[in-house]
N, C-alpha and C. Protein backbone atom coordinates (compact mmCIF):
# COMPACT_ATOMS: atom_id res chain seq x y z
N MET A 1 0.83 -1.20 0.00
CA MET A 1 0.00 0.00 0.00
C MET A 1 0.87 1.25 0.00
N LYS A 2 0.55 2.18 -0.88
CA LYS A 2 1.29 3.44 -0.95
C LYS A 2 1.02 4.30 0.28
N LYS A 3 2.05 4.97 0.76
CA LYS A 3 1.94 5.86 1.92
C LYS A 3 2.00 7.31 1.46
N ILE A 4 0.96 8.06 1.81
CA ILE A 4 0.84 9.46 1.37
C ILE A 4 1.03 10.40 2.55
N PHE A 5 1.93 11.37 2.40
CA PHE A 5 2.08 12.39 3.45
C PHE A 5 1.30 13.63 3.05
N ILE A 6 0.40 14.06 3.94
CA ILE A 6 -0.42 15.25 3.69
C ILE A 6 0.08 16.38 4.58
N ALA A 7 0.59 17.44 3.96
CA ALA A 7 1.06 18.59 4.74
C ALA A 7 -0.11 19.23 5.47
N PRO A 8 -0.02 19.42 6.80
CA PRO A 8 -1.16 19.93 7.56
C PRO A 8 -1.39 21.43 7.38
N ILE A 9 -2.60 21.87 7.70
CA ILE A 9 -2.92 23.29 7.72
C ILE A 9 -2.44 23.88 9.05
N LYS A 10 -1.75 25.01 8.97
CA LYS A 10 -1.30 25.68 10.18
C LYS A 10 -2.08 26.96 10.35
N GLN A 11 -2.61 27.19 11.57
CA GLN A 11 -3.42 28.37 11.82
C GLN A 11 -3.40 28.73 13.30
N LYS A 12 -3.98 29.87 13.63
CA LYS A 12 -4.12 30.29 15.03
C LYS A 12 -5.52 29.93 15.52
N ASN A 13 -5.59 29.35 16.73
CA ASN A 13 -6.92 29.08 17.30
C ASN A 13 -7.39 30.30 18.09
N LYS A 14 -8.52 30.19 18.75
CA LYS A 14 -9.10 31.35 19.43
C LYS A 14 -8.27 31.83 20.62
N TYR A 15 -7.31 31.01 21.03
CA TYR A 15 -6.42 31.40 22.13
C TYR A 15 -5.08 31.93 21.61
N SER A 16 -5.02 32.19 20.30
CA SER A 16 -3.82 32.69 19.62
C SER A 16 -2.66 31.71 19.71
N GLU A 17 -3.00 30.43 19.80
CA GLU A 17 -1.99 29.37 19.81
C GLU A 17 -1.88 28.78 18.40
N ASN A 18 -0.66 28.33 18.07
CA ASN A 18 -0.48 27.65 16.79
C ASN A 18 -1.23 26.33 16.81
N GLU A 19 -1.92 26.05 15.73
CA GLU A 19 -2.74 24.83 15.66
C GLU A 19 -2.56 24.19 14.29
N PHE A 20 -2.41 22.87 14.27
CA PHE A 20 -2.27 22.13 13.03
C PHE A 20 -3.51 21.27 12.83
N SER A 21 -4.02 21.24 11.62
CA SER A 21 -5.26 20.50 11.39
C SER A 21 -5.29 19.92 9.99
N LEU A 22 -6.22 18.99 9.81
CA LEU A 22 -6.44 18.37 8.51
C LEU A 22 -7.87 17.86 8.48
N THR A 23 -8.62 18.18 7.44
CA THR A 23 -10.00 17.71 7.38
C THR A 23 -10.02 16.19 7.18
N THR A 24 -11.00 15.55 7.80
CA THR A 24 -11.11 14.10 7.67
C THR A 24 -11.45 13.68 6.25
N ASN A 25 -11.91 14.63 5.43
CA ASN A 25 -12.21 14.30 4.03
C ASN A 25 -10.99 13.76 3.29
N TRP A 26 -9.80 14.29 3.63
CA TRP A 26 -8.58 13.81 2.98
C TRP A 26 -8.31 12.35 3.35
N ILE A 27 -8.49 12.03 4.62
CA ILE A 27 -8.27 10.65 5.06
C ILE A 27 -9.25 9.72 4.37
N LYS A 28 -10.51 10.14 4.31
CA LYS A 28 -11.54 9.32 3.67
C LYS A 28 -11.23 9.11 2.19
N LEU A 29 -10.78 10.18 1.53
CA LEU A 29 -10.49 10.09 0.10
C LEU A 29 -9.41 9.05 -0.17
N PHE A 30 -8.30 9.14 0.57
CA PHE A 30 -7.20 8.22 0.31
C PHE A 30 -7.49 6.80 0.78
N ASN A 31 -8.22 6.67 1.86
CA ASN A 31 -8.65 5.34 2.28
C ASN A 31 -9.53 4.70 1.21
N ASN A 32 -10.35 5.54 0.58
CA ASN A 32 -11.29 5.06 -0.42
C ASN A 32 -10.58 4.51 -1.66
N ILE A 33 -9.41 5.05 -1.97
CA ILE A 33 -8.69 4.57 -3.15
C ILE A 33 -7.50 3.68 -2.79
N GLY A 34 -7.45 3.24 -1.54
CA GLY A 34 -6.48 2.22 -1.15
C GLY A 34 -5.12 2.72 -0.73
N PHE A 35 -5.02 3.96 -0.25
CA PHE A 35 -3.75 4.49 0.22
C PHE A 35 -3.79 4.69 1.74
N PHE A 36 -2.61 4.65 2.35
CA PHE A 36 -2.48 5.02 3.76
C PHE A 36 -1.99 6.45 3.81
N SER A 37 -2.72 7.33 4.49
CA SER A 37 -2.33 8.74 4.57
C SER A 37 -1.98 9.12 6.00
N PHE A 38 -1.13 10.14 6.14
CA PHE A 38 -0.61 10.51 7.45
C PHE A 38 -0.21 11.98 7.42
N THR A 39 -0.23 12.60 8.58
CA THR A 39 0.27 13.97 8.70
C THR A 39 0.93 14.15 10.05
N THR A 40 1.78 15.17 10.19
CA THR A 40 2.46 15.46 11.45
C THR A 40 2.80 16.94 11.48
N THR A 41 3.08 17.46 12.66
CA THR A 41 3.42 18.87 12.79
C THR A 41 4.92 19.11 12.76
N GLY A 42 5.70 18.05 12.81
CA GLY A 42 7.15 18.22 12.86
C GLY A 42 7.69 18.92 11.63
N ASN A 43 8.59 19.90 11.84
CA ASN A 43 9.13 20.63 10.68
C ASN A 43 10.64 20.78 10.73
N LYS A 44 11.30 20.00 11.57
CA LYS A 44 12.75 20.05 11.59
C LYS A 44 13.32 19.39 10.34
N ALA A 45 14.49 19.83 9.92
CA ALA A 45 15.09 19.35 8.67
C ALA A 45 15.22 17.83 8.65
N ALA A 46 15.65 17.24 9.76
CA ALA A 46 15.83 15.79 9.82
C ALA A 46 14.51 15.06 9.64
N MET A 47 13.44 15.60 10.23
CA MET A 47 12.13 14.97 10.10
C MET A 47 11.61 15.10 8.67
N ILE A 48 11.78 16.26 8.07
CA ILE A 48 11.34 16.47 6.69
C ILE A 48 12.06 15.50 5.76
N LYS A 49 13.34 15.31 5.96
CA LYS A 49 14.11 14.38 5.15
C LYS A 49 13.60 12.95 5.36
N LYS A 50 13.29 12.61 6.59
CA LYS A 50 12.77 11.27 6.90
C LYS A 50 11.41 11.05 6.23
N ILE A 51 10.57 12.08 6.24
CA ILE A 51 9.26 12.00 5.61
C ILE A 51 9.41 11.67 4.13
N SER A 52 10.33 12.35 3.45
CA SER A 52 10.51 12.13 2.01
C SER A 52 11.06 10.75 1.70
N VAL A 53 11.71 10.12 2.67
CA VAL A 53 12.22 8.76 2.49
C VAL A 53 11.12 7.74 2.72
N GLU A 54 10.35 7.94 3.78
CA GLU A 54 9.39 6.93 4.22
C GLU A 54 8.06 6.97 3.47
N PHE A 55 7.73 8.11 2.86
CA PHE A 55 6.43 8.24 2.18
C PHE A 55 6.61 8.24 0.67
N ASP A 56 5.58 7.73 -0.02
CA ASP A 56 5.65 7.54 -1.47
C ASP A 56 5.20 8.75 -2.26
N ALA A 57 4.44 9.66 -1.63
CA ALA A 57 3.93 10.83 -2.33
C ALA A 57 3.60 11.92 -1.33
N LEU A 58 3.57 13.15 -1.81
CA LEU A 58 3.27 14.33 -0.99
C LEU A 58 2.00 14.99 -1.48
N VAL A 59 1.15 15.41 -0.55
CA VAL A 59 -0.03 16.21 -0.88
C VAL A 59 0.09 17.57 -0.19
N LEU A 60 0.01 18.63 -0.96
CA LEU A 60 -0.07 19.99 -0.43
C LEU A 60 -1.53 20.39 -0.52
N CYS A 61 -2.22 20.42 0.61
CA CYS A 61 -3.67 20.62 0.59
C CYS A 61 -4.04 22.10 0.61
N GLY A 62 -5.33 22.37 0.46
CA GLY A 62 -5.83 23.73 0.45
C GLY A 62 -6.09 24.25 1.86
N GLY A 63 -6.82 25.36 1.93
CA GLY A 63 -7.13 25.97 3.22
C GLY A 63 -6.16 27.08 3.55
N GLY A 64 -6.66 28.32 3.64
CA GLY A 64 -5.79 29.45 3.98
C GLY A 64 -5.12 30.04 2.75
N GLU A 65 -4.22 30.99 3.02
CA GLU A 65 -3.55 31.74 1.96
C GLU A 65 -2.04 31.49 1.99
N ILE A 66 -1.40 31.63 0.84
CA ILE A 66 0.06 31.63 0.84
C ILE A 66 0.53 33.03 1.27
N TYR A 67 1.79 33.13 1.68
CA TYR A 67 2.32 34.38 2.21
C TYR A 67 2.26 35.50 1.18
N LYS A 68 2.39 35.18 -0.08
CA LYS A 68 2.35 36.17 -1.16
C LYS A 68 1.07 37.00 -1.10
N PHE A 69 -0.04 36.38 -0.69
CA PHE A 69 -1.33 37.06 -0.71
C PHE A 69 -1.81 37.51 0.68
N GLN A 70 -1.28 36.94 1.72
CA GLN A 70 -1.64 37.37 3.07
C GLN A 70 -0.39 37.24 3.95
N LYS A 71 0.26 38.36 4.15
CA LYS A 71 1.57 38.34 4.80
C LYS A 71 1.44 38.33 6.32
N ASN A 72 1.44 37.13 6.87
CA ASN A 72 1.48 36.98 8.33
C ASN A 72 2.41 35.83 8.69
N TYR A 73 2.69 35.69 9.96
CA TYR A 73 3.68 34.71 10.43
C TYR A 73 3.26 33.28 10.12
N ILE A 74 1.99 32.98 10.33
CA ILE A 74 1.49 31.62 10.10
C ILE A 74 1.70 31.21 8.64
N ASN A 75 1.30 32.06 7.71
CA ASN A 75 1.45 31.73 6.29
C ASN A 75 2.91 31.61 5.88
N LEU A 76 3.75 32.46 6.46
CA LEU A 76 5.18 32.41 6.16
C LEU A 76 5.77 31.07 6.61
N GLN A 77 5.45 30.67 7.84
CA GLN A 77 5.98 29.41 8.37
C GLN A 77 5.44 28.20 7.60
N ARG A 78 4.19 28.25 7.23
CA ARG A 78 3.63 27.13 6.46
C ARG A 78 4.29 27.05 5.09
N ASP A 79 4.49 28.19 4.44
CA ASP A 79 5.17 28.20 3.15
C ASP A 79 6.57 27.61 3.26
N LYS A 80 7.31 28.01 4.29
CA LYS A 80 8.68 27.52 4.47
C LYS A 80 8.69 26.00 4.66
N PHE A 81 7.76 25.50 5.48
CA PHE A 81 7.66 24.07 5.73
C PHE A 81 7.35 23.32 4.45
N GLU A 82 6.37 23.81 3.70
CA GLU A 82 5.95 23.12 2.49
C GLU A 82 7.01 23.21 1.38
N LYS A 83 7.73 24.31 1.32
CA LYS A 83 8.81 24.43 0.33
C LYS A 83 9.92 23.43 0.62
N LYS A 84 10.20 23.18 1.90
CA LYS A 84 11.21 22.18 2.26
C LYS A 84 10.72 20.78 1.88
N LEU A 85 9.44 20.52 2.10
CA LEU A 85 8.88 19.23 1.69
C LEU A 85 8.99 19.05 0.19
N ILE A 86 8.62 20.10 -0.56
CA ILE A 86 8.69 20.04 -2.03
C ILE A 86 10.11 19.72 -2.47
N LYS A 87 11.07 20.42 -1.91
CA LYS A 87 12.47 20.21 -2.28
C LYS A 87 12.90 18.77 -2.06
N ASN A 88 12.55 18.22 -0.90
CA ASN A 88 12.97 16.86 -0.56
C ASN A 88 12.26 15.80 -1.40
N PHE A 89 10.97 15.99 -1.68
CA PHE A 89 10.27 15.02 -2.52
C PHE A 89 10.75 15.10 -3.96
N LEU A 90 11.11 16.28 -4.43
CA LEU A 90 11.68 16.40 -5.77
C LEU A 90 13.02 15.68 -5.87
N LEU A 91 13.83 15.82 -4.82
CA LEU A 91 15.13 15.14 -4.81
C LEU A 91 14.96 13.63 -4.87
N LYS A 92 13.90 13.13 -4.23
CA LYS A 92 13.63 11.70 -4.22
C LYS A 92 12.83 11.25 -5.45
N LYS A 93 12.47 12.23 -6.30
CA LYS A 93 11.71 11.95 -7.52
C LYS A 93 10.39 11.23 -7.21
N LYS A 94 9.72 11.74 -6.19
CA LYS A 94 8.44 11.18 -5.79
C LYS A 94 7.31 12.15 -6.12
N PRO A 95 6.12 11.64 -6.45
CA PRO A 95 5.03 12.51 -6.93
C PRO A 95 4.51 13.49 -5.88
N ILE A 96 4.11 14.66 -6.38
CA ILE A 96 3.53 15.71 -5.54
C ILE A 96 2.18 16.10 -6.12
N LEU A 97 1.14 16.02 -5.30
CA LEU A 97 -0.19 16.49 -5.67
C LEU A 97 -0.44 17.79 -4.93
N ALA A 98 -0.64 18.88 -5.67
CA ALA A 98 -0.83 20.20 -5.07
C ALA A 98 -2.26 20.67 -5.32
N VAL A 99 -2.97 21.01 -4.25
CA VAL A 99 -4.39 21.35 -4.33
C VAL A 99 -4.64 22.77 -3.84
N CYS A 100 -5.28 23.58 -4.66
CA CYS A 100 -5.71 24.94 -4.33
C CYS A 100 -4.56 25.78 -3.75
N ARG A 101 -4.48 25.94 -2.44
CA ARG A 101 -3.37 26.70 -1.86
C ARG A 101 -2.04 26.08 -2.26
N GLY A 102 -1.98 24.74 -2.25
CA GLY A 102 -0.76 24.06 -2.64
C GLY A 102 -0.37 24.38 -4.08
N PHE A 103 -1.36 24.42 -4.97
CA PHE A 103 -1.13 24.79 -6.37
C PHE A 103 -0.62 26.23 -6.44
N GLN A 104 -1.22 27.12 -5.64
CA GLN A 104 -0.79 28.52 -5.65
C GLN A 104 0.65 28.67 -5.18
N LEU A 105 1.05 27.84 -4.20
CA LEU A 105 2.44 27.88 -3.73
C LEU A 105 3.37 27.39 -4.83
N ILE A 106 3.03 26.27 -5.46
CA ILE A 106 3.84 25.75 -6.56
C ILE A 106 3.96 26.80 -7.68
N ALA A 107 2.82 27.42 -8.02
CA ALA A 107 2.82 28.42 -9.09
C ALA A 107 3.66 29.64 -8.72
N SER A 108 3.60 30.06 -7.47
CA SER A 108 4.37 31.23 -7.04
C SER A 108 5.88 30.97 -7.13
N ILE A 109 6.28 29.71 -6.95
CA ILE A 109 7.68 29.33 -7.07
C ILE A 109 8.09 29.28 -8.54
N ASN A 110 7.11 29.06 -9.42
CA ASN A 110 7.38 28.84 -10.84
C ASN A 110 6.81 29.95 -11.74
N ASN A 111 7.02 31.19 -11.32
CA ASN A 111 6.68 32.37 -12.13
C ASN A 111 5.20 32.46 -12.50
N GLY A 112 4.34 32.00 -11.62
CA GLY A 112 2.92 32.10 -11.87
C GLY A 112 2.42 33.54 -11.83
N LYS A 113 1.47 33.86 -12.69
CA LYS A 113 0.85 35.19 -12.72
C LYS A 113 -0.59 35.06 -12.26
N PHE A 114 -0.97 35.83 -11.24
CA PHE A 114 -2.27 35.71 -10.60
C PHE A 114 -3.13 36.94 -10.82
N GLU A 115 -4.43 36.74 -10.67
CA GLU A 115 -5.40 37.83 -10.59
C GLU A 115 -6.38 37.49 -9.47
N LYS A 116 -7.29 38.41 -9.18
CA LYS A 116 -8.35 38.18 -8.20
C LYS A 116 -9.68 38.02 -8.91
N SER A 117 -10.51 37.12 -8.41
CA SER A 117 -11.84 36.93 -8.99
C SER A 117 -12.80 36.40 -7.93
N ASN A 118 -14.02 36.91 -7.94
CA ASN A 118 -15.07 36.39 -7.06
C ASN A 118 -15.94 35.36 -7.77
N LYS A 119 -15.59 35.06 -9.02
CA LYS A 119 -16.38 34.11 -9.79
C LYS A 119 -15.91 32.66 -9.63
N HIS A 120 -14.96 32.46 -8.71
CA HIS A 120 -14.43 31.10 -8.47
C HIS A 120 -14.68 30.65 -7.04
N VAL A 121 -15.62 31.28 -6.38
CA VAL A 121 -15.95 30.93 -4.99
C VAL A 121 -17.31 30.24 -4.97
N ARG A 122 -17.31 28.99 -4.50
CA ARG A 122 -18.54 28.19 -4.45
C ARG A 122 -19.20 28.08 -5.83
N GLU A 123 -18.37 27.79 -6.80
CA GLU A 123 -18.84 27.63 -8.17
C GLU A 123 -18.51 26.23 -8.67
N THR A 124 -19.06 25.89 -9.81
CA THR A 124 -18.77 24.62 -10.47
C THR A 124 -18.23 24.91 -11.86
N HIS A 125 -17.18 24.19 -12.25
CA HIS A 125 -16.60 24.35 -13.58
C HIS A 125 -16.72 23.05 -14.37
N LYS A 126 -17.04 23.17 -15.63
CA LYS A 126 -17.00 22.03 -16.54
C LYS A 126 -15.75 22.21 -17.39
N LEU A 127 -14.78 21.35 -17.17
CA LEU A 127 -13.46 21.52 -17.78
C LEU A 127 -13.24 20.58 -18.95
N LYS A 128 -12.62 21.11 -20.00
CA LYS A 128 -12.14 20.30 -21.10
C LYS A 128 -10.65 20.04 -20.88
N ILE A 129 -10.23 18.80 -21.09
CA ILE A 129 -8.86 18.40 -20.80
C ILE A 129 -7.98 18.48 -22.04
N ASN A 130 -6.81 19.08 -21.88
CA ASN A 130 -5.82 19.18 -22.94
C ASN A 130 -5.41 17.77 -23.39
N LYS A 131 -5.48 17.52 -24.68
CA LYS A 131 -5.15 16.20 -25.21
C LYS A 131 -3.69 15.81 -24.95
N LYS A 132 -2.84 16.79 -24.68
CA LYS A 132 -1.43 16.52 -24.42
C LYS A 132 -1.16 16.07 -22.99
N SER A 133 -2.17 16.10 -22.13
CA SER A 133 -1.97 15.74 -20.73
C SER A 133 -1.49 14.30 -20.59
N VAL A 134 -0.53 14.12 -19.72
CA VAL A 134 -0.01 12.78 -19.43
C VAL A 134 -0.69 12.19 -18.20
N PHE A 135 -0.95 13.00 -17.20
CA PHE A 135 -1.50 12.51 -15.94
C PHE A 135 -3.02 12.44 -15.91
N VAL A 136 -3.68 13.28 -16.69
CA VAL A 136 -5.16 13.33 -16.67
C VAL A 136 -5.67 12.73 -17.97
N ARG A 137 -6.09 11.48 -17.92
CA ARG A 137 -6.45 10.75 -19.13
C ARG A 137 -7.96 10.64 -19.28
N CYS A 138 -8.60 11.78 -19.42
CA CYS A 138 -10.03 11.82 -19.70
C CYS A 138 -10.29 13.05 -20.55
N LYS A 139 -11.49 13.19 -21.07
CA LYS A 139 -11.80 14.29 -21.97
C LYS A 139 -12.37 15.51 -21.25
N LYS A 140 -13.06 15.29 -20.15
CA LYS A 140 -13.67 16.41 -19.43
C LYS A 140 -13.90 16.04 -17.97
N LEU A 141 -14.03 17.07 -17.15
CA LEU A 141 -14.28 16.91 -15.73
C LEU A 141 -15.21 18.00 -15.24
N THR A 142 -16.02 17.68 -14.25
CA THR A 142 -16.80 18.69 -13.54
C THR A 142 -16.16 18.87 -12.17
N THR A 143 -15.78 20.12 -11.85
CA THR A 143 -15.05 20.38 -10.62
C THR A 143 -15.70 21.50 -9.81
N ASN A 144 -15.36 21.52 -8.53
CA ASN A 144 -15.81 22.61 -7.65
C ASN A 144 -14.82 23.77 -7.71
N SER A 145 -15.09 24.83 -6.97
CA SER A 145 -14.22 26.00 -6.99
C SER A 145 -14.41 26.81 -5.71
N PHE A 146 -13.30 27.02 -4.97
CA PHE A 146 -13.37 27.73 -3.69
C PHE A 146 -12.19 28.68 -3.50
N HIS A 147 -11.81 29.42 -4.53
CA HIS A 147 -10.64 30.29 -4.41
C HIS A 147 -10.88 31.64 -5.09
N ARG A 148 -10.21 32.66 -4.57
CA ARG A 148 -10.27 33.99 -5.18
C ARG A 148 -9.00 34.34 -5.94
N ASN A 149 -7.91 33.68 -5.60
CA ASN A 149 -6.66 33.91 -6.32
C ASN A 149 -6.65 32.99 -7.54
N VAL A 150 -6.87 33.57 -8.70
CA VAL A 150 -6.94 32.78 -9.93
C VAL A 150 -5.62 32.88 -10.68
N LEU A 151 -5.25 31.79 -11.34
CA LEU A 151 -3.94 31.70 -11.99
C LEU A 151 -4.06 31.91 -13.49
N LYS A 152 -3.37 32.94 -13.96
CA LYS A 152 -3.43 33.30 -15.39
C LYS A 152 -2.39 32.55 -16.21
N SER A 153 -1.19 32.39 -15.66
CA SER A 153 -0.12 31.69 -16.39
C SER A 153 0.84 31.07 -15.39
N ILE A 154 1.66 30.12 -15.87
CA ILE A 154 2.64 29.45 -15.02
C ILE A 154 3.89 29.18 -15.86
N GLY A 155 5.01 28.94 -15.20
CA GLY A 155 6.29 28.77 -15.88
C GLY A 155 6.31 27.65 -16.91
N LYS A 156 7.32 27.68 -17.77
CA LYS A 156 7.40 26.79 -18.92
C LYS A 156 7.58 25.33 -18.55
N LYS A 157 8.00 25.05 -17.32
CA LYS A 157 8.17 23.66 -16.91
C LYS A 157 6.83 22.93 -16.80
N PHE A 158 5.74 23.71 -16.74
CA PHE A 158 4.41 23.14 -16.55
C PHE A 158 3.60 23.17 -17.84
N THR A 159 2.79 22.16 -18.03
CA THR A 159 1.82 22.12 -19.11
C THR A 159 0.45 22.42 -18.53
N VAL A 160 -0.27 23.36 -19.14
CA VAL A 160 -1.63 23.66 -18.71
C VAL A 160 -2.55 22.55 -19.24
N VAL A 161 -3.20 21.86 -18.32
CA VAL A 161 -4.07 20.74 -18.67
C VAL A 161 -5.50 21.20 -18.93
N SER A 162 -5.94 22.21 -18.16
CA SER A 162 -7.30 22.71 -18.37
C SER A 162 -7.46 24.11 -17.79
N ARG A 163 -8.31 24.89 -18.45
CA ARG A 163 -8.66 26.23 -17.97
C ARG A 163 -10.16 26.31 -17.77
N SER A 164 -10.58 27.19 -16.89
CA SER A 164 -12.00 27.48 -16.71
C SER A 164 -12.51 28.26 -17.91
N ASN A 165 -13.81 28.42 -18.00
CA ASN A 165 -14.39 29.13 -19.15
C ASN A 165 -13.91 30.57 -19.25
N ASP A 166 -13.53 31.17 -18.11
CA ASP A 166 -13.04 32.55 -18.15
C ASP A 166 -11.52 32.62 -18.30
N GLY A 167 -10.89 31.49 -18.60
CA GLY A 167 -9.49 31.51 -19.03
C GLY A 167 -8.43 31.27 -17.98
N PHE A 168 -8.82 30.91 -16.76
CA PHE A 168 -7.83 30.71 -15.70
C PHE A 168 -7.49 29.23 -15.52
N ILE A 169 -6.26 28.96 -15.10
CA ILE A 169 -5.75 27.60 -15.03
C ILE A 169 -6.39 26.84 -13.86
N GLU A 170 -6.95 25.69 -14.14
CA GLU A 170 -7.55 24.84 -13.12
C GLU A 170 -6.73 23.57 -12.87
N ILE A 171 -6.04 23.10 -13.89
CA ILE A 171 -5.18 21.92 -13.75
C ILE A 171 -3.89 22.17 -14.53
N ALA A 172 -2.75 21.80 -13.93
CA ALA A 172 -1.46 21.88 -14.61
C ALA A 172 -0.61 20.71 -14.17
N GLU A 173 0.39 20.35 -14.98
CA GLU A 173 1.25 19.22 -14.64
C GLU A 173 2.68 19.49 -15.08
N ASN A 174 3.59 18.90 -14.34
CA ASN A 174 5.01 18.89 -14.69
C ASN A 174 5.42 17.43 -14.70
N VAL A 175 5.51 16.85 -15.88
CA VAL A 175 5.77 15.42 -16.01
C VAL A 175 7.17 15.06 -15.52
N ASP A 176 8.16 15.88 -15.86
CA ASP A 176 9.54 15.59 -15.48
C ASP A 176 9.72 15.52 -13.97
N GLU A 177 9.04 16.40 -13.25
CA GLU A 177 9.19 16.45 -11.80
C GLU A 177 8.05 15.75 -11.06
N LYS A 178 7.13 15.15 -11.81
CA LYS A 178 6.02 14.37 -11.23
C LYS A 178 5.16 15.23 -10.30
N ILE A 179 4.70 16.37 -10.82
CA ILE A 179 3.83 17.26 -10.07
C ILE A 179 2.50 17.40 -10.80
N LEU A 180 1.41 17.19 -10.09
CA LEU A 180 0.07 17.40 -10.63
C LEU A 180 -0.64 18.41 -9.75
N CYS A 181 -1.21 19.44 -10.37
CA CYS A 181 -1.81 20.55 -9.61
C CYS A 181 -3.29 20.70 -9.95
N PHE A 182 -4.12 20.75 -8.92
CA PHE A 182 -5.55 21.01 -9.05
C PHE A 182 -5.87 22.32 -8.35
N MET A 183 -6.63 23.20 -8.97
CA MET A 183 -7.12 24.38 -8.27
C MET A 183 -8.43 24.07 -7.55
N PHE A 184 -9.03 22.95 -7.86
CA PHE A 184 -10.25 22.51 -7.18
C PHE A 184 -9.91 21.57 -6.02
N HIS A 185 -10.94 21.17 -5.27
CA HIS A 185 -10.75 20.34 -4.08
C HIS A 185 -11.32 18.94 -4.29
N PRO A 186 -10.48 17.96 -4.61
CA PRO A 186 -10.99 16.59 -4.81
C PRO A 186 -11.53 15.98 -3.53
N GLU A 187 -11.02 16.43 -2.38
CA GLU A 187 -11.46 15.85 -1.10
C GLU A 187 -12.87 16.32 -0.71
N ARG A 188 -13.36 17.37 -1.35
CA ARG A 188 -14.70 17.87 -1.02
C ARG A 188 -15.78 17.27 -1.91
N TYR A 189 -15.37 16.35 -2.78
CA TYR A 189 -16.34 15.71 -3.65
C TYR A 189 -17.09 14.60 -2.93
N ASN A 190 -18.23 14.26 -3.50
CA ASN A 190 -18.84 12.99 -3.16
C ASN A 190 -17.84 11.92 -3.58
N PHE A 191 -17.55 10.98 -2.70
CA PHE A 191 -16.49 10.03 -2.99
C PHE A 191 -16.86 9.01 -4.06
N SER A 192 -18.05 9.15 -4.64
CA SER A 192 -18.42 8.30 -5.76
C SER A 192 -17.89 8.86 -7.08
N ASN A 193 -17.21 10.01 -7.02
CA ASN A 193 -16.65 10.59 -8.24
C ASN A 193 -15.46 9.74 -8.69
N LYS A 194 -15.74 8.74 -9.48
CA LYS A 194 -14.74 7.75 -9.86
C LYS A 194 -13.63 8.34 -10.71
N GLU A 195 -13.95 9.32 -11.54
CA GLU A 195 -12.94 9.89 -12.43
C GLU A 195 -11.83 10.58 -11.66
N ILE A 196 -12.21 11.37 -10.65
CA ILE A 196 -11.21 12.06 -9.84
C ILE A 196 -10.35 11.06 -9.08
N ARG A 197 -10.99 10.07 -8.47
CA ARG A 197 -10.24 9.04 -7.74
C ARG A 197 -9.28 8.30 -8.66
N LYS A 198 -9.74 8.02 -9.85
CA LYS A 198 -8.92 7.29 -10.83
C LYS A 198 -7.69 8.11 -11.22
N ILE A 199 -7.89 9.41 -11.44
CA ILE A 199 -6.77 10.28 -11.82
C ILE A 199 -5.71 10.30 -10.72
N ILE A 200 -6.15 10.48 -9.47
CA ILE A 200 -5.21 10.54 -8.35
C ILE A 200 -4.48 9.21 -8.19
N LYS A 201 -5.23 8.13 -8.24
CA LYS A 201 -4.63 6.79 -8.06
C LYS A 201 -3.61 6.49 -9.15
N ASN A 202 -3.98 6.77 -10.41
CA ASN A 202 -3.06 6.51 -11.52
C ASN A 202 -1.83 7.41 -11.45
N PHE A 203 -2.02 8.65 -11.01
CA PHE A 203 -0.90 9.57 -10.89
C PHE A 203 0.11 9.06 -9.86
N ILE A 204 -0.36 8.68 -8.69
CA ILE A 204 0.54 8.26 -7.63
C ILE A 204 1.16 6.89 -7.91
N TYR A 205 0.37 5.96 -8.39
CA TYR A 205 0.90 4.63 -8.68
C TYR A 205 1.75 4.61 -9.94
N GLY A 206 1.32 5.38 -10.96
CA GLY A 206 1.96 5.24 -12.25
C GLY A 206 2.99 6.27 -12.60
N SER A 207 3.18 7.31 -11.76
CA SER A 207 4.06 8.42 -12.15
C SER A 207 5.50 7.97 -12.36
N SER A 208 5.91 6.89 -11.69
CA SER A 208 7.30 6.41 -11.86
C SER A 208 7.52 5.87 -13.26
N ASN A 209 6.43 5.54 -13.95
CA ASN A 209 6.55 4.99 -15.30
C ASN A 209 6.41 6.04 -16.40
N PHE A 210 6.02 7.27 -15.99
CA PHE A 210 5.86 8.33 -16.98
C PHE A 210 7.22 8.88 -17.37
N SER A 211 7.41 9.13 -18.61
CA SER A 211 8.65 9.75 -19.09
C SER A 211 8.32 11.09 -19.71
N SER A 212 9.30 11.97 -19.73
CA SER A 212 9.09 13.28 -20.34
C SER A 212 8.92 13.10 -21.83
N ARG A 213 8.22 14.05 -22.44
CA ARG A 213 8.04 14.00 -23.87
C ARG A 213 7.95 15.42 -24.40
N LYS A 214 8.16 15.58 -25.67
CA LYS A 214 8.09 16.90 -26.26
C LYS A 214 6.67 17.41 -26.25
N ARG A 215 6.51 18.70 -26.02
CA ARG A 215 5.18 19.30 -26.00
C ARG A 215 5.07 20.32 -27.12
C-alpha cells in the first residue's frame, strides 16, 4: 500500500496558539482509493528528510492563503515548511499532488501570474482536458471552486491541462518532476466521483513509469 504524506494546515486558534489541522475528508479520500495517509506537525530538517524517504507521495492541501497574498507569520511558516517538503520530494523523484493553496504555492515558485476573482468561490466548472496531458487521461471533468486567487499563467516547466471558461488555469502538470496541480478540491467531492479518484490513483501509482516528452 502506498503511503501518502499530507502537509497539515497551520493556523491560530481562538487562544492565539499555533494549531495544526487536517480535514477528515482527505483521510476518507485516500482510504477510499487504497492508500495510507498521514500527517504530522514536525518541521525540523531531519524529520522532513525522513518523511521524504518513508512516504511515497506528498499532498499539499488547500485551506488558507500563501504568504504572497496574506503576509502573516502563520502563512510564512507554512510556506517555508511546504517548500522544504517540495524540495525533498523532488530530490527523491516522488510525486507531488498540489491542491488549491498548494497549487498557488507551486505556481508562485514557478513564475505564476495571478489575478483576483469572485467568480471562483462556491462555483462549479466544466473543464475540457488538454489532449497533451499525461497525468489526466479523460476528456472532461466537472469540478468545484473555492478560491479567489486565480492563476493566469505558469512557468514553462508546466503544461496547462485545463482552464475554466473565463481563461484561468484549473489543472497543470510537470511530467519531469512528477507534479500534478488542481485548483479545485478533490477531497470535497462525493467520494463516488470515480474519475477524480482514478486520476489521483493513476498519478501516484503510475508516475514512476511516466517519461518526459516533447510538448
